[in-house]
Amino acid sequence: MKHVGIGLLAALIGYVVIAAIGYFLLLKLSSNGHDRSVEASMTSIFIFGPVGAIITFIVAFIWSKNVFH
């Protein structure tokens, strides 16, 4: 249960960090001219954030299994 808790905490932090990074990258790299901020916010909230959360959960879960036997 401890490993799942560590994974969930890491997933929450990973969601926020990856969504923020994705938002700023999309603002800089998007060729969309008239609604760039909407594209960046929706993509970071619904695509980058969940993917980042899943990846960080898996990594933290495996890491905690190896470190905290």
Protein backbone atom coordinates (compact mmCIF):
# COMPACT_ATOMS: atom_id res chain seq x y z
CA MET A 1 0.00 0.00 0.00
CA LYS A 2 2.92 2.30 0.71
CA HIS A 3 4.17 1.87 -2.86
CA VAL A 4 0.80 2.86 -4.30
CA GLY A 5 0.75 5.97 -2.11
CA ILE A 6 4.20 6.99 -3.29
CA GLY A 7 3.12 6.37 -6.87
CA LEU A 8 -0.01 8.48 -6.47
CA LEU A 9 1.89 11.34 -4.90
CA ALA A 10 4.42 11.24 -7.72
CA ALA A 11 1.59 11.08 -10.28
CA LEU A 12 0.03 14.23 -8.84
CA ILE A 13 3.33 16.08 -8.95
CA GLY A 14 4.10 14.68 -12.40
CA TYR A 15 0.72 15.82 -13.73
CA VAL A 16 1.29 19.41 -12.64
CA VAL A 17 4.92 19.59 -13.79
CA ILE A 18 4.40 17.95 -17.19
CA ALA A 19 1.21 19.94 -17.88
CA ALA A 20 3.02 23.21 -17.11
CA ILE A 21 5.98 22.28 -19.31
CA GLY A 22 3.64 21.23 -22.12
CA TYR A 23 1.69 24.49 -21.83
CA PHE A 24 4.75 26.68 -22.21
CA LEU A 25 6.19 24.53 -25.00
CA LEU A 26 2.95 24.72 -26.95
CA LEU A 27 2.82 28.49 -26.51
CA LYS A 28 6.29 28.75 -28.04
CA LEU A 29 6.02 26.07 -30.74
CA SER A 30 2.42 26.24 -31.95
CA SER A 31 1.75 27.69 -35.38
CA ASN A 32 -1.88 28.38 -34.47
CA GLY A 33 -2.42 32.12 -34.60
CA HIS A 34 -5.84 33.00 -33.26
CA ASP A 35 -6.36 30.69 -30.25
CA ARG A 36 -2.88 29.55 -29.26
CA SER A 37 -3.52 29.88 -25.53
CA VAL A 38 -6.69 27.76 -25.70
CA GLU A 39 -4.88 25.08 -27.68
CA ALA A 40 -2.00 25.11 -25.22
CA SER A 41 -4.19 24.93 -22.12
CA MET A 42 -6.51 22.19 -23.39
CA THR A 43 -3.70 20.05 -24.76
CA SER A 44 -1.63 20.35 -21.60
CA ILE A 45 -4.58 19.62 -19.29
CA PHE A 46 -6.09 16.71 -21.24
CA ILE A 47 -3.08 15.17 -23.02
CA PHE A 48 0.28 16.04 -21.47
CA GLY A 49 -0.89 16.05 -17.84
CA PRO A 50 -2.50 12.59 -17.80
CA VAL A 51 0.35 11.04 -19.80
CA GLY A 52 2.86 12.59 -17.39
CA ALA A 53 0.86 11.31 -14.42
CA ILE A 54 0.76 7.76 -15.76
CA ILE A 55 4.46 7.72 -16.55
CA THR A 56 5.49 9.17 -13.19
CA PHE A 57 3.18 6.76 -11.34
CA ILE A 58 4.79 3.77 -13.03
CA VAL A 59 8.32 5.05 -12.48
CA ALA A 60 7.70 5.95 -8.82
CA PHE A 61 5.93 2.66 -8.11
CA ILE A 62 8.81 0.62 -9.55
CA TRP A 63 11.38 2.83 -7.83
CA SER A 64 9.69 2.49 -4.44
CA LYS A 65 9.48 -1.29 -4.83
CA ASN A 66 13.23 -1.42 -5.43
CA VAL A 67 14.22 1.07 -2.72
CA PHE A 68 11.73 0.23 0.07
CA HIS A 69 11.63 -3.57 0.03
